[in-house]
Protein backbone atom coordinates (compact mmCIF):
# COMPACT_ATOMS: atom_id res chain seq x y z
CA MET A 1 -23.36 -14.63 -20.29
CA GLN A 2 -23.16 -18.24 -21.40
CA LEU A 3 -20.87 -19.61 -24.07
CA THR A 4 -20.54 -23.16 -25.40
CA ILE A 5 -17.42 -24.50 -27.11
CA ILE A 6 -18.28 -27.30 -29.53
CA ARG A 7 -15.40 -29.49 -30.63
CA ILE A 8 -14.89 -32.39 -33.03
CA GLU A 9 -12.72 -34.66 -30.91
CA GLU A 10 -9.77 -36.60 -32.34
CA TYR A 11 -10.43 -35.00 -35.71
CA GLY A 12 -6.82 -35.05 -36.91
CA PRO A 13 -6.27 -38.80 -36.41
CA TRP A 14 -9.66 -39.55 -37.96
CA THR A 15 -8.94 -37.55 -41.11
CA ILE A 16 -5.80 -39.62 -41.74
CA THR A 17 -7.95 -42.74 -42.05
CA LEU A 18 -9.55 -41.20 -45.15
CA GLY A 19 -6.33 -41.47 -47.14
CA SER A 20 -4.28 -38.78 -48.83
CA ASP A 21 -6.98 -37.78 -51.36
CA ARG A 22 -9.21 -36.44 -48.60
CA GLU A 23 -9.10 -32.66 -48.76
CA ALA A 24 -12.18 -32.07 -50.94
CA ARG A 25 -14.23 -34.46 -48.77
CA LEU A 26 -13.07 -32.73 -45.58
CA GLN A 27 -13.93 -29.26 -46.89
CA MET A 28 -17.44 -30.43 -47.80
CA LEU A 29 -17.86 -32.17 -44.44
CA GLN A 30 -16.76 -29.06 -42.51
CA ALA A 31 -19.13 -26.83 -44.50
CA ASN A 32 -22.07 -29.18 -43.94
CA PHE A 33 -21.28 -29.59 -40.23
CA TYR A 34 -21.13 -25.83 -39.67
CA TYR A 35 -24.43 -25.42 -41.53
CA ASP A 36 -26.18 -27.98 -39.32
CA LEU A 37 -24.59 -26.63 -36.15
CA GLN A 38 -25.73 -23.08 -36.96
CA ARG A 39 -29.18 -24.33 -37.99
CA LEU A 40 -29.78 -26.21 -34.74
CA PHE A 41 -28.43 -23.54 -32.37
CA SER A 42 -30.02 -20.59 -34.20
CA ALA A 43 -33.40 -22.33 -33.90
CA LYS A 44 -32.96 -21.86 -30.14
CA ASP A 45 -32.08 -18.14 -30.53
CA CYS A 46 -28.33 -18.76 -30.29
CA LEU A 47 -25.51 -17.88 -32.67
CA VAL A 48 -22.45 -19.96 -33.61
CA TYR A 49 -19.06 -18.61 -34.64
CA LEU A 50 -16.33 -20.56 -36.36
CA ASN A 51 -13.17 -20.63 -34.22
CA ARG A 52 -11.27 -23.34 -36.07
CA PHE A 53 -12.71 -25.84 -38.52
CA ASP A 54 -12.92 -28.44 -35.75
CA GLU A 55 -14.02 -26.02 -33.01
CA TYR A 56 -16.91 -23.58 -32.72
CA PHE A 57 -18.10 -20.98 -30.20
CA ALA A 58 -21.85 -20.62 -29.59
CA ILE A 59 -23.49 -17.86 -27.57
CA THR A 60 -26.04 -19.93 -25.62
CA ASN A 61 -27.75 -17.67 -23.09
CA GLY A 62 -30.87 -19.42 -21.80
CA LEU A 63 -29.95 -22.94 -22.92
CA SER A 64 -29.92 -25.79 -20.41
CA VAL A 65 -27.84 -28.96 -20.52
CA ALA A 66 -30.94 -30.75 -21.82
CA ASP A 67 -31.20 -28.26 -24.71
CA HIS A 68 -27.59 -29.02 -25.61
CA LEU A 69 -28.33 -32.74 -25.36
CA VAL A 70 -31.08 -32.44 -27.99
CA ILE A 71 -28.70 -30.67 -30.39
CA GLU A 72 -25.87 -33.09 -29.71
CA SER A 73 -28.16 -36.05 -30.33
CA GLU A 74 -29.25 -34.76 -33.73
CA LEU A 75 -25.68 -33.91 -34.76
CA SER A 76 -24.49 -37.37 -33.71
CA SER A 77 -27.20 -39.00 -35.82
CA LEU A 78 -26.19 -36.88 -38.83
CA TYR A 79 -22.43 -37.37 -38.38
CA LYS A 80 -22.07 -40.85 -36.94
CA LYS A 81 -18.32 -41.08 -37.55
CA LEU A 82 -17.53 -37.85 -35.68
CA LYS A 83 -16.91 -37.73 -31.93
CA LEU A 84 -18.37 -34.51 -30.55
CA SER A 85 -18.08 -32.67 -27.25
CA MET A 86 -19.57 -29.48 -25.81
CA ALA A 87 -18.24 -27.43 -22.91
CA ILE A 88 -20.59 -24.84 -21.40
CA GLY A 89 -19.10 -21.83 -19.63
CA ASN A 90 -20.49 -18.79 -17.83
CA GLY A 91 -18.86 -15.48 -17.01
CA GLU A 92 -19.31 -11.74 -16.63
CA THR A 93 -17.31 -11.32 -19.84
CA PRO A 94 -16.99 -13.44 -22.99
CA TYR A 95 -13.36 -14.18 -22.20
CA GLN A 96 -14.26 -15.35 -18.68
CA ALA A 97 -17.03 -17.56 -20.11
CA ASN A 98 -14.46 -19.01 -22.52
CA LEU A 99 -12.12 -19.76 -19.60
CA ASP A 100 -14.95 -21.31 -17.60
CA ALA A 101 -15.82 -23.62 -20.51
CA TYR A 102 -12.15 -24.52 -20.93
CA HIS A 103 -11.66 -25.36 -17.24
CA THR A 104 -14.99 -27.23 -17.04
CA ARG A 105 -13.85 -29.48 -19.89
CA LYS A 106 -10.37 -29.85 -18.37
CA MET A 107 -11.81 -30.85 -14.98
CA GLY A 108 -14.15 -33.37 -16.66
CA GLU A 109 -17.33 -31.92 -15.15
CA LEU A 110 -19.93 -33.80 -17.17
CA GLY A 111 -23.40 -32.25 -17.27
CA THR A 112 -24.70 -35.60 -18.49
CA LYS A 113 -23.09 -39.03 -18.37
CA LYS A 114 -24.76 -40.07 -21.63
CA THR A 115 -22.63 -37.74 -23.77
CA ARG A 116 -19.53 -35.56 -23.62
CA ILE A 117 -21.36 -32.40 -22.57
CA PHE A 118 -19.32 -30.63 -19.90
CA ALA A 119 -21.12 -28.20 -17.60
CA SER A 120 -20.70 -26.84 -14.10
CA ALA A 121 -23.47 -26.93 -11.50
CA ALA A 122 -24.32 -23.32 -12.46
CA VAL A 123 -25.85 -24.53 -15.75
CA PRO A 124 -29.43 -25.83 -15.26
CA PHE A 125 -30.18 -29.30 -16.58
CA SER A 126 -33.93 -28.97 -17.04
CA MET A 127 -35.49 -27.62 -20.23
CA SER A 128 -38.05 -25.80 -18.09
CA ASN A 129 -35.24 -23.59 -16.80
CA SER A 130 -33.92 -22.71 -20.25
CA ILE A 131 -34.88 -19.03 -20.04
CA PRO A 132 -32.32 -16.18 -19.98
CA ARG A 133 -31.83 -14.94 -16.44
CA VAL A 134 -32.94 -11.36 -15.72
CA ASN A 135 -29.40 -10.02 -15.45
CA GLU A 136 -28.07 -12.05 -18.39
CA PHE A 137 -27.38 -10.29 -21.67
CA VAL A 138 -25.10 -10.34 -24.68
CA GLN A 139 -23.38 -7.40 -26.33
CA ILE A 140 -22.14 -7.88 -29.89
CA MET A 141 -20.30 -5.49 -32.17
CA HIS A 142 -20.74 -5.85 -35.93
CA ILE A 143 -17.76 -4.23 -37.66
CA ASP A 144 -17.13 -3.71 -41.35
CA MET A 145 -14.96 -1.64 -43.68
CA ASN A 146 -16.92 1.23 -45.20
CA ASN A 147 -14.46 1.81 -48.05
CA SER A 148 -13.61 -1.78 -48.97
CA ALA A 149 -14.89 -1.43 -52.56
CA ASP A 150 -12.55 1.51 -53.16
CA ILE A 151 -9.58 -0.30 -51.59
CA GLY A 152 -10.47 -3.50 -53.47
CA SER A 153 -10.33 -1.66 -56.78
CA LYS A 154 -6.63 -1.01 -56.18
CA LEU A 155 -5.70 -4.48 -54.86
CA SER A 156 -5.92 -7.96 -56.31
CA PRO A 157 -8.43 -10.29 -54.58
CA TYR A 158 -5.65 -12.12 -52.73
CA GLU A 159 -3.99 -8.89 -51.56
CA MET A 160 -7.39 -7.74 -50.30
CA THR A 161 -7.72 -10.95 -48.30
CA CYS A 162 -4.26 -10.39 -46.80
CA LEU A 163 -5.32 -6.90 -45.71
CA ILE A 164 -8.56 -8.15 -44.13
CA ILE A 165 -6.68 -10.88 -42.23
CA LYS A 166 -4.33 -8.21 -40.85
CA ILE A 167 -7.31 -6.15 -39.68
CA TYR A 168 -8.82 -9.28 -38.11
CA ALA A 169 -5.59 -10.00 -36.23
CA ARG A 170 -5.37 -6.43 -34.93
CA LEU A 171 -9.00 -6.37 -33.84
CA SER A 172 -8.57 -9.73 -32.07
CA GLU A 173 -5.44 -8.58 -30.25
CA GLU A 174 -6.96 -5.31 -29.08
CA PHE A 175 -10.41 -6.57 -28.10
CA VAL A 176 -9.11 -9.56 -26.13
CA LYS A 177 -7.49 -6.95 -23.86
CA LYS A 178 -11.08 -5.88 -23.13
CA GLU A 179 -11.99 -9.55 -22.46
CA SER A 180 -13.92 -9.63 -25.74
CA LEU A 181 -13.83 -12.29 -28.48
CA THR A 182 -13.53 -11.39 -32.17
CA PHE A 183 -14.70 -13.57 -35.07
CA PHE A 184 -14.35 -13.16 -38.84
CA LEU A 185 -17.67 -13.53 -40.68
CA GLY A 186 -16.41 -13.38 -44.24
CA GLY A 187 -16.14 -10.55 -46.75
CA ASP A 188 -15.03 -7.50 -44.72
CA ASN A 189 -17.24 -8.26 -41.70
CA PHE A 190 -16.32 -9.11 -38.12
CA MET A 191 -18.31 -9.67 -34.96
CA VAL A 192 -17.01 -9.06 -31.45
CA VAL A 193 -18.75 -10.61 -28.44
CA SER A 194 -18.05 -7.72 -26.14
CA ASN A 195 -20.01 -7.62 -22.87
CA ALA A 196 -17.12 -5.93 -21.05
CA ALA A 197 -16.36 -3.27 -23.69
CA THR A 198 -17.93 0.20 -23.84
CA LYS A 199 -18.85 2.36 -26.81
CA GLN A 200 -15.75 4.44 -26.05
CA ASP A 201 -13.63 1.26 -26.08
CA ALA A 202 -14.98 0.49 -29.54
CA GLU A 203 -14.18 3.97 -30.84
CA GLU A 204 -10.65 3.92 -29.39
CA THR A 205 -9.93 0.40 -30.66
CA ILE A 206 -11.10 1.20 -34.18
CA MET A 207 -8.88 4.30 -34.23
CA LYS A 208 -5.89 2.31 -32.98
CA VAL A 209 -6.38 -0.56 -35.44
CA THR A 210 -6.70 1.74 -38.46
CA GLN A 211 -4.07 4.30 -37.45
CA GLY A 212 -1.63 4.98 -40.28
CA THR A 213 -3.88 3.35 -42.90
CA ASN A 214 -6.57 4.59 -45.29
CA ILE A 215 -9.02 2.06 -43.86
CA LYS A 216 -12.26 3.20 -42.23
CA LEU A 217 -14.21 0.86 -39.96
CA ASN A 218 -17.84 1.11 -38.90
CA CYS A 219 -19.11 -0.52 -35.71
CA GLY A 220 -22.71 -1.31 -34.87
CA ILE A 221 -23.23 -2.32 -31.24
CA GLY A 222 -26.20 -4.49 -30.28
CA ILE A 223 -27.39 -5.56 -26.85
CA GLY A 224 -29.91 -8.37 -26.32
CA ARG A 225 -30.86 -11.24 -24.03
CA THR A 226 -29.63 -13.88 -26.48
CA GLY A 227 -26.94 -14.23 -29.13
CA ARG A 228 -29.31 -13.89 -32.10
CA LYS A 229 -31.11 -10.88 -30.63
CA ALA A 230 -27.82 -9.11 -29.88
CA ALA A 231 -26.47 -9.83 -33.38
CA ASN A 232 -29.74 -8.61 -34.89
CA ALA A 233 -29.47 -5.35 -32.94
CA ALA A 234 -25.78 -4.96 -33.91
CA THR A 235 -26.58 -5.36 -37.60
CA LYS A 236 -29.46 -2.87 -37.28
CA ALA A 237 -26.98 -0.43 -35.73
CA LEU A 238 -24.51 -0.99 -38.57
CA ASP A 239 -27.28 -0.45 -41.15
CA THR A 240 -28.19 2.78 -39.35
CA ILE A 241 -24.59 4.02 -39.75
CA ARG A 242 -24.85 3.39 -43.50
CA ASP A 243 -28.23 5.15 -43.71
CA LEU A 244 -26.90 8.18 -41.80
CA ARG A 245 -23.90 8.36 -44.13
CA HIS A 246 -26.27 8.72 -47.08
CA VAL A 247 -27.71 11.89 -45.52
CA GLY A 248 -24.29 13.36 -44.69
CA LYS A 249 -23.90 12.21 -41.07
CA ASP A 250 -20.69 10.32 -40.33
CA LEU A 251 -21.02 8.21 -37.16
CA PRO A 252 -18.46 5.37 -37.03
CA VAL A 253 -20.10 3.78 -33.95
CA TYR A 254 -23.83 3.39 -33.22
CA GLU A 255 -25.65 1.39 -30.56
CA VAL A 256 -29.04 -0.38 -30.48
CA GLU A 257 -30.57 -2.13 -27.44
CA CYS A 258 -33.02 -5.03 -27.77
CA LEU A 259 -33.72 -6.07 -24.17
């Protein structure tokens, strides 16, 4: 699979130039930047996850260096004061792709000299080659709490957030052992890019994370050629779990393929 790490370079020093009354402006800037980043990548059948507010992970199966260049060019025209970089990595697992992107950036392997887009020779430059390879796929898990409304009725909003953050931390710690990457989507939803993890891994991890609590997690697993298709399948799987619950069938994990 292919993963791209997008980063706003030298963000900290730049924010200081805005003065001390900058926080509201920065929050609006970050929200707008994420919107445009997601808009541009999703138009190419990719999906972007927020890692930190100055760093983002995009699942970019099928995208060439030239495809990235088009997106980078539009972002640079929209955010002229921001210095952007992209590092493209490939790997059998999401964690390996993350490491490949990290090392590619560290080694300074520029896919194009015009911009700071880092890519190894394994990433095609030409747009004509921007098609997912036959053996390339993405597996995504969409996880949510199926009793969050009940738990939320007993906790204040802030206490509920604290609980969700704890669940996020536990999921991240356990799934990274399976070379999978976990991201918080908001509300009580998480997505795990999980090419190396099995359905049994998902079941065991959910049991381990929720052990000793009254929390119940559902997990829809989706498999597709691209990030958007895999996420679509994962959400369909999660919706199926909810539908089955309404007719008395309790399946915490369900899988949908979209290849």
